[in-house]
Amino acid sequence: MSEQEIYDKIAQLIEERFELSADKVSQSLDFKKDLNADSIDIVEFILELEDTFGAEISDEDAEKLATVGDAVTYIKNHQ
């Protein structure tokens, strides 16, 4: 899966979960700062990423995923 395909899927998940138009999603979008996501939102979003991409994301790695770009890079490197 290409980096663009991963990004597009993540943007779609953000649009559905956080009600933010996908065209407003960027690589630098910060889950906590820009989306006002709390820890429960983050955990649920990580679970969605795992389901969508068929990857397991450890709690330690999940803590490092602060932006959309972080998530894209992580998923690309762990396909």
PDB file of N, CA and C in Angstrom:
ATOM      1  N   MET A   1       0.853  -1.172   0.000  1.00  0.00           N
ATOM      2  CA  MET A   1       0.000   0.000   0.000  1.00  0.00           C
ATOM      3  C   MET A   1       0.904   1.243   0.000  1.00  0.00           C
ATOM      4  N   SER A   2       0.577   2.193  -0.851  1.00  0.00           N
ATOM      5  CA  SER A   2       1.406   3.390  -0.959  1.00  0.00           C
ATOM      6  C   SER A   2       1.154   4.340   0.209  1.00  0.00           C
ATOM      7  N   GLU A   3       2.099   5.259   0.395  1.00  0.00           N
ATOM      8  CA  GLU A   3       1.963   6.247   1.453  1.00  0.00           C
ATOM      9  C   GLU A   3       0.698   7.091   1.243  1.00  0.00           C
ATOM     10  N   GLN A   4       0.392   7.420  -0.017  1.00  0.00           N
ATOM     11  CA  GLN A   4      -0.805   8.218  -0.308  1.00  0.00           C
ATOM     12  C   GLN A   4      -2.074   7.444   0.038  1.00  0.00           C
ATOM     13  N   GLU A   5      -2.100   6.146  -0.256  1.00  0.00           N
ATOM     14  CA  GLU A   5      -3.277   5.329   0.076  1.00  0.00           C
ATOM     15  C   GLU A   5      -3.471   5.252   1.590  1.00  0.00           C
ATOM     16  N   ILE A   6      -2.381   5.109   2.322  1.00  0.00           N
ATOM     17  CA  ILE A   6      -2.446   5.076   3.785  1.00  0.00           C
ATOM     18  C   ILE A   6      -2.981   6.413   4.297  1.00  0.00           C
ATOM     19  N   TYR A   7      -2.423   7.501   3.771  1.00  0.00           N
ATOM     20  CA  TYR A   7      -2.850   8.847   4.180  1.00  0.00           C
ATOM     21  C   TYR A   7      -4.343   9.036   3.914  1.00  0.00           C
ATOM     22  N   ASP A   8      -4.797   8.636   2.725  1.00  0.00           N
ATOM     23  CA  ASP A   8      -6.211   8.806   2.367  1.00  0.00           C
ATOM     24  C   ASP A   8      -7.130   8.041   3.319  1.00  0.00           C
ATOM     25  N   LYS A   9      -6.739   6.820   3.684  1.00  0.00           N
ATOM     26  CA  LYS A   9      -7.555   6.029   4.608  1.00  0.00           C
ATOM     27  C   LYS A   9      -7.592   6.660   5.990  1.00  0.00           C
ATOM     28  N   ILE A  10      -6.436   7.155   6.448  1.00  0.00           N
ATOM     29  CA  ILE A  10      -6.382   7.802   7.752  1.00  0.00           C
ATOM     30  C   ILE A  10      -7.236   9.068   7.734  1.00  0.00           C
ATOM     31  N   ALA A  11      -7.160   9.846   6.658  1.00  0.00           N
ATOM     32  CA  ALA A  11      -7.972  11.064   6.539  1.00  0.00           C
ATOM     33  C   ALA A  11      -9.457  10.715   6.592  1.00  0.00           C
ATOM     34  N   GLN A  12      -9.832   9.609   5.968  1.00  0.00           N
ATOM     35  CA  GLN A  12     -11.236   9.167   5.986  1.00  0.00           C
ATOM     36  C   GLN A  12     -11.654   8.780   7.408  1.00  0.00           C
ATOM     37  N   LEU A  13     -10.787   8.069   8.127  1.00  0.00           N
ATOM     38  CA  LEU A  13     -11.086   7.690   9.512  1.00  0.00           C
ATOM     39  C   LEU A  13     -11.257   8.928  10.388  1.00  0.00           C
ATOM     40  N   ILE A  14     -10.388   9.917  10.191  1.00  0.00           N
ATOM     41  CA  ILE A  14     -10.479  11.155  10.970  1.00  0.00           C
ATOM     42  C   ILE A  14     -11.779  11.878  10.650  1.00  0.00           C
ATOM     43  N   GLU A  15     -12.136  11.899   9.384  1.00  0.00           N
ATOM     44  CA  GLU A  15     -13.384  12.557   8.983  1.00  0.00           C
ATOM     45  C   GLU A  15     -14.579  11.903   9.676  1.00  0.00           C
ATOM     46  N   GLU A  16     -14.590  10.573   9.721  1.00  0.00           N
ATOM     47  CA  GLU A  16     -15.702   9.847  10.333  1.00  0.00           C
ATOM     48  C   GLU A  16     -15.723   9.995  11.855  1.00  0.00           C
ATOM     49  N   ARG A  17     -14.558   9.876  12.493  1.00  0.00           N
ATOM     50  CA  ARG A  17     -14.494   9.870  13.955  1.00  0.00           C
ATOM     51  C   ARG A  17     -14.545  11.269  14.554  1.00  0.00           C
ATOM     52  N   PHE A  18     -13.858  12.220  13.933  1.00  0.00           N
ATOM     53  CA  PHE A  18     -13.727  13.544  14.538  1.00  0.00           C
ATOM     54  C   PHE A  18     -14.535  14.624  13.805  1.00  0.00           C
ATOM     55  N   GLU A  19     -15.289  14.199  12.808  1.00  0.00           N
ATOM     56  CA  GLU A  19     -16.152  15.113  12.055  1.00  0.00           C
ATOM     57  C   GLU A  19     -15.381  16.316  11.517  1.00  0.00           C
ATOM     58  N   LEU A  20     -14.221  16.033  10.958  1.00  0.00           N
ATOM     59  CA  LEU A  20     -13.400  17.051  10.323  1.00  0.00           C
ATOM     60  C   LEU A  20     -13.304  16.692   8.853  1.00  0.00           C
ATOM     61  N   SER A  21     -13.636  17.598   7.989  1.00  0.00           N
ATOM     62  CA  SER A  21     -13.589  17.339   6.554  1.00  0.00           C
ATOM     63  C   SER A  21     -12.204  16.822   6.154  1.00  0.00           C
ATOM     64  N   ALA A  22     -12.179  15.765   5.339  1.00  0.00           N
ATOM     65  CA  ALA A  22     -10.920  15.128   4.945  1.00  0.00           C
ATOM     66  C   ALA A  22      -9.982  16.114   4.254  1.00  0.00           C
ATOM     67  N   ASP A  23     -10.536  17.125   3.578  1.00  0.00           N
ATOM     68  CA  ASP A  23      -9.664  18.089   2.903  1.00  0.00           C
ATOM     69  C   ASP A  23      -8.969  19.040   3.881  1.00  0.00           C
ATOM     70  N   LYS A  24      -9.358  19.002   5.146  1.00  0.00           N
ATOM     71  CA  LYS A  24      -8.695  19.820   6.167  1.00  0.00           C
ATOM     72  C   LYS A  24      -7.641  19.020   6.927  1.00  0.00           C
ATOM     73  N   VAL A  25      -7.526  17.742   6.618  1.00  0.00           N
ATOM     74  CA  VAL A  25      -6.530  16.881   7.253  1.00  0.00           C
ATOM     75  C   VAL A  25      -5.194  17.104   6.542  1.00  0.00           C
ATOM     76  N   SER A  26      -4.130  17.201   7.325  1.00  0.00           N
ATOM     77  CA  SER A  26      -2.786  17.342   6.759  1.00  0.00           C
ATOM     78  C   SER A  26      -1.832  16.422   7.520  1.00  0.00           C
ATOM     79  N   GLN A  27      -0.637  16.263   6.963  1.00  0.00           N
ATOM     80  CA  GLN A  27       0.371  15.418   7.610  1.00  0.00           C
ATOM     81  C   GLN A  27       0.711  15.942   9.003  1.00  0.00           C
ATOM     82  N   SER A  28       0.634  17.258   9.187  1.00  0.00           N
ATOM     83  CA  SER A  28       1.044  17.850  10.464  1.00  0.00           C
ATOM     84  C   SER A  28      -0.099  17.964  11.473  1.00  0.00           C
ATOM     85  N   LEU A  29      -1.290  17.519  11.101  1.00  0.00           N
ATOM     86  CA  LEU A  29      -2.440  17.587  12.012  1.00  0.00           C
ATOM     87  C   LEU A  29      -2.123  16.789  13.278  1.00  0.00           C
ATOM     88  N   ASP A  30      -2.227  17.440  14.419  1.00  0.00           N
ATOM     89  CA  ASP A  30      -1.926  16.824  15.712  1.00  0.00           C
ATOM     90  C   ASP A  30      -3.227  16.343  16.341  1.00  0.00           C
ATOM     91  N   PHE A  31      -3.265  15.069  16.713  1.00  0.00           N
ATOM     92  CA  PHE A  31      -4.498  14.478  17.236  1.00  0.00           C
ATOM     93  C   PHE A  31      -4.987  15.198  18.497  1.00  0.00           C
ATOM     94  N   LYS A  32      -4.076  15.465  19.421  1.00  0.00           N
ATOM     95  CA  LYS A  32      -4.483  16.092  20.683  1.00  0.00           C
ATOM     96  C   LYS A  32      -4.731  17.588  20.521  1.00  0.00           C
ATOM     97  N   LYS A  33      -3.795  18.290  19.901  1.00  0.00           N
ATOM     98  CA  LYS A  33      -3.896  19.744  19.809  1.00  0.00           C
ATOM     99  C   LYS A  33      -4.953  20.201  18.814  1.00  0.00           C
ATOM    100  N   ASP A  34      -4.939  19.613  17.613  1.00  0.00           N
ATOM    101  CA  ASP A  34      -5.829  20.088  16.545  1.00  0.00           C
ATOM    102  C   ASP A  34      -7.223  19.476  16.597  1.00  0.00           C
ATOM    103  N   LEU A  35      -7.319  18.260  17.112  1.00  0.00           N
ATOM    104  CA  LEU A  35      -8.621  17.581  17.160  1.00  0.00           C
ATOM    105  C   LEU A  35      -9.209  17.571  18.566  1.00  0.00           C
ATOM    106  N   ASN A  36      -8.456  18.086  19.521  1.00  0.00           N
ATOM    107  CA  ASN A  36      -8.878  18.057  20.924  1.00  0.00           C
ATOM    108  C   ASN A  36      -9.241  16.644  21.380  1.00  0.00           C
ATOM    109  N   ALA A  37      -8.487  15.679  20.893  1.00  0.00           N
ATOM    110  CA  ALA A  37      -8.738  14.278  21.237  1.00  0.00           C
ATOM    111  C   ALA A  37      -8.202  13.992  22.632  1.00  0.00           C
ATOM    112  N   ASP A  38      -9.034  13.347  23.444  1.00  0.00           N
ATOM    113  CA  ASP A  38      -8.560  12.934  24.770  1.00  0.00           C
ATOM    114  C   ASP A  38      -7.990  11.524  24.670  1.00  0.00           C
ATOM    115  N   SER A  39      -7.535  10.988  25.781  1.00  0.00           N
ATOM    116  CA  SER A  39      -6.876   9.681  25.751  1.00  0.00           C
ATOM    117  C   SER A  39      -7.803   8.573  25.253  1.00  0.00           C
ATOM    118  N   ILE A  40      -9.081   8.648  25.576  1.00  0.00           N
ATOM    119  CA  ILE A  40     -10.031   7.638  25.095  1.00  0.00           C
ATOM    120  C   ILE A  40     -10.198   7.742  23.580  1.00  0.00           C
ATOM    121  N   ASP A  41     -10.308   8.968  23.076  1.00  0.00           N
ATOM    122  CA  ASP A  41     -10.393   9.161  21.629  1.00  0.00           C
ATOM    123  C   ASP A  41      -9.179   8.566  20.918  1.00  0.00           C
ATOM    124  N   ILE A  42      -8.006   8.797  21.498  1.00  0.00           N
ATOM    125  CA  ILE A  42      -6.765   8.301  20.892  1.00  0.00           C
ATOM    126  C   ILE A  42      -6.754   6.773  20.879  1.00  0.00           C
ATOM    127  N   VAL A  43      -7.111   6.158  21.996  1.00  0.00           N
ATOM    128  CA  VAL A  43      -7.133   4.689  22.071  1.00  0.00           C
ATOM    129  C   VAL A  43      -8.111   4.122  21.035  1.00  0.00           C
ATOM    130  N   GLU A  44      -9.285   4.699  20.957  1.00  0.00           N
ATOM    131  CA  GLU A  44     -10.270   4.215  19.985  1.00  0.00           C
ATOM    132  C   GLU A  44      -9.776   4.405  18.560  1.00  0.00           C
ATOM    133  N   PHE A  45      -9.112   5.518  18.295  1.00  0.00           N
ATOM    134  CA  PHE A  45      -8.580   5.772  16.955  1.00  0.00           C
ATOM    135  C   PHE A  45      -7.469   4.774  16.615  1.00  0.00           C
ATOM    136  N   ILE A  46      -6.598   4.481  17.578  1.00  0.00           N
ATOM    137  CA  ILE A  46      -5.532   3.493  17.362  1.00  0.00           C
ATOM    138  C   ILE A  46      -6.150   2.127  17.044  1.00  0.00           C
ATOM    139  N   LEU A  47      -7.209   1.761  17.760  1.00  0.00           N
ATOM    140  CA  LEU A  47      -7.896   0.492  17.485  1.00  0.00           C
ATOM    141  C   LEU A  47      -8.460   0.481  16.066  1.00  0.00           C
ATOM    142  N   GLU A  48      -8.998   1.603  15.617  1.00  0.00           N
ATOM    143  CA  GLU A  48      -9.495   1.698  14.238  1.00  0.00           C
ATOM    144  C   GLU A  48      -8.362   1.544  13.239  1.00  0.00           C
ATOM    145  N   LEU A  49      -7.220   2.153  13.537  1.00  0.00           N
ATOM    146  CA  LEU A  49      -6.059   1.997  12.651  1.00  0.00           C
ATOM    147  C   LEU A  49      -5.655   0.525  12.562  1.00  0.00           C
ATOM    148  N   GLU A  50      -5.631  -0.144  13.712  1.00  0.00           N
ATOM    149  CA  GLU A  50      -5.273  -1.571  13.725  1.00  0.00           C
ATOM    150  C   GLU A  50      -6.242  -2.378  12.870  1.00  0.00           C
ATOM    151  N   ASP A  51      -7.535  -2.121  13.020  1.00  0.00           N
ATOM    152  CA  ASP A  51      -8.545  -2.847  12.242  1.00  0.00           C
ATOM    153  C   ASP A  51      -8.430  -2.544  10.752  1.00  0.00           C
ATOM    154  N   THR A  52      -8.241  -1.282  10.426  1.00  0.00           N
ATOM    155  CA  THR A  52      -8.201  -0.856   9.030  1.00  0.00           C
ATOM    156  C   THR A  52      -6.978  -1.394   8.303  1.00  0.00           C
ATOM    157  N   PHE A  53      -5.837  -1.386   8.980  1.00  0.00           N
ATOM    158  CA  PHE A  53      -4.587  -1.752   8.316  1.00  0.00           C
ATOM    159  C   PHE A  53      -4.082  -3.140   8.705  1.00  0.00           C
ATOM    160  N   GLY A  54      -4.804  -3.845   9.571  1.00  0.00           N
ATOM    161  CA  GLY A  54      -4.419  -5.200   9.938  1.00  0.00           C
ATOM    162  C   GLY A  54      -3.067  -5.267  10.637  1.00  0.00           C
ATOM    163  N   ALA A  55      -2.764  -4.245  11.421  1.00  0.00           N
ATOM    164  CA  ALA A  55      -1.485  -4.205  12.131  1.00  0.00           C
ATOM    165  C   ALA A  55      -1.754  -4.032  13.614  1.00  0.00           C
ATOM    166  N   GLU A  56      -0.857  -4.573  14.415  1.00  0.00           N
ATOM    167  CA  GLU A  56      -0.976  -4.350  15.853  1.00  0.00           C
ATOM    168  C   GLU A  56      -0.016  -3.239  16.240  1.00  0.00           C
ATOM    169  N   ILE A  57      -0.535  -2.257  16.957  1.00  0.00           N
ATOM    170  CA  ILE A  57       0.265  -1.115  17.382  1.00  0.00           C
ATOM    171  C   ILE A  57       0.407  -1.203  18.896  1.00  0.00           C
ATOM    172  N   SER A  58       1.645  -1.370  19.360  1.00  0.00           N
ATOM    173  CA  SER A  58       1.869  -1.504  20.800  1.00  0.00           C
ATOM    174  C   SER A  58       1.531  -0.187  21.499  1.00  0.00           C
ATOM    175  N   ASP A  59       1.234  -0.281  22.786  1.00  0.00           N
ATOM    176  CA  ASP A  59       0.936   0.923  23.566  1.00  0.00           C
ATOM    177  C   ASP A  59       2.107   1.902  23.513  1.00  0.00           C
ATOM    178  N   GLU A  60       3.315   1.356  23.571  1.00  0.00           N
ATOM    179  CA  GLU A  60       4.520   2.193  23.529  1.00  0.00           C
ATOM    180  C   GLU A  60       4.604   2.951  22.202  1.00  0.00           C
ATOM    181  N   ASP A  61       4.333   2.256  21.097  1.00  0.00           N
ATOM    182  CA  ASP A  61       4.361   2.904  19.784  1.00  0.00           C
ATOM    183  C   ASP A  61       3.201   3.882  19.631  1.00  0.00           C
ATOM    184  N   ALA A  62       2.046   3.519  20.148  1.00  0.00           N
ATOM    185  CA  ALA A  62       0.860   4.379  20.028  1.00  0.00           C
ATOM    186  C   ALA A  62       1.104   5.735  20.673  1.00  0.00           C
ATOM    187  N   GLU A  63       1.851   5.754  21.762  1.00  0.00           N
ATOM    188  CA  GLU A  63       2.149   7.017  22.446  1.00  0.00           C
ATOM    189  C   GLU A  63       2.976   7.957  21.590  1.00  0.00           C
ATOM    190  N   LYS A  64       3.705   7.397  20.618  1.00  0.00           N
ATOM    191  CA  LYS A  64       4.570   8.204  19.749  1.00  0.00           C
ATOM    192  C   LYS A  64       3.819   8.766  18.539  1.00  0.00           C
ATOM    193  N   LEU A  65       2.598   8.318  18.326  1.00  0.00           N
ATOM    194  CA  LEU A  65       1.837   8.760  17.161  1.00  0.00           C
ATOM    195  C   LEU A  65       1.058  10.024  17.513  1.00  0.00           C
ATOM    196  N   ALA A  66       1.681  11.167  17.300  1.00  0.00           N
ATOM    197  CA  ALA A  66       1.062  12.444  17.665  1.00  0.00           C
ATOM    198  C   ALA A  66       0.363  13.112  16.490  1.00  0.00           C
ATOM    199  N   THR A  67       0.870  12.867  15.274  1.00  0.00           N
ATOM    200  CA  THR A  67       0.323  13.535  14.095  1.00  0.00           C
ATOM    201  C   THR A  67      -0.103  12.514  13.040  1.00  0.00           C
ATOM    202  N   VAL A  68      -0.826  13.000  12.047  1.00  0.00           N
ATOM    203  CA  VAL A  68      -1.213  12.141  10.925  1.00  0.00           C
ATOM    204  C   VAL A  68       0.040  11.596  10.241  1.00  0.00           C
ATOM    205  N   GLY A  69       1.036  12.452  10.065  1.00  0.00           N
ATOM    206  CA  GLY A  69       2.290  12.014   9.437  1.00  0.00           C
ATOM    207  C   GLY A  69       2.958  10.891  10.207  1.00  0.00           C
ATOM    208  N   ASP A  70       2.935  10.983  11.544  1.00  0.00           N
ATOM    209  CA  ASP A  70       3.497   9.910  12.379  1.00  0.00           C
ATOM    210  C   ASP A  70       2.776   8.592  12.112  1.00  0.00           C
ATOM    211  N   ALA A  71       1.452   8.651  12.036  1.00  0.00           N
ATOM    212  CA  ALA A  71       0.653   7.443  11.818  1.00  0.00           C
ATOM    213  C   ALA A  71       0.924   6.862  10.434  1.00  0.00           C
ATOM    214  N   VAL A  72       1.004   7.709   9.425  1.00  0.00           N
ATOM    215  CA  VAL A  72       1.276   7.248   8.054  1.00  0.00           C
ATOM    216  C   VAL A  72       2.632   6.545   8.005  1.00  0.00           C
ATOM    217  N   THR A  73       3.652   7.187   8.566  1.00  0.00           N
ATOM    218  CA  THR A  73       5.000   6.616   8.558  1.00  0.00           C
ATOM    219  C   THR A  73       5.036   5.289   9.304  1.00  0.00           C
ATOM    220  N   TYR A  74       4.400   5.239  10.466  1.00  0.00           N
ATOM    221  CA  TYR A  74       4.386   4.007  11.260  1.00  0.00           C
ATOM    222  C   TYR A  74       3.756   2.863  10.461  1.00  0.00           C
ATOM    223  N   ILE A  75       2.598   3.124   9.884  1.00  0.00           N
ATOM    224  CA  ILE A  75       1.878   2.073   9.157  1.00  0.00           C
ATOM    225  C   ILE A  75       2.684   1.653   7.926  1.00  0.00           C
ATOM    226  N   LYS A  76       3.249   2.603   7.220  1.00  0.00           N
ATOM    227  CA  LYS A  76       4.058   2.271   6.035  1.00  0.00           C
ATOM    228  C   LYS A  76       5.225   1.374   6.420  1.00  0.00           C
ATOM    229  N   ASN A  77       5.863   1.660   7.559  1.00  0.00           N
ATOM    230  CA  ASN A  77       7.016   0.886   7.994  1.00  0.00           C
ATOM    231  C   ASN A  77       6.653  -0.455   8.630  1.00  0.00           C
ATOM    232  N   HIS A  78       5.384  -0.673   8.944  1.00  0.00           N
ATOM    233  CA  HIS A  78       4.969  -1.909   9.625  1.00  0.00           C
ATOM    234  C   HIS A  78       3.933  -2.694   8.832  1.00  0.00           C
ATOM    235  N   GLN A  79       3.969  -2.547   7.519  1.00  0.00           N
ATOM    236  CA  GLN A  79       2.995  -3.276   6.691  1.00  0.00           C
ATOM    237  C   GLN A  79       3.420  -4.738   6.569  1.00  0.00           C
TER     238      GLN A  79
END
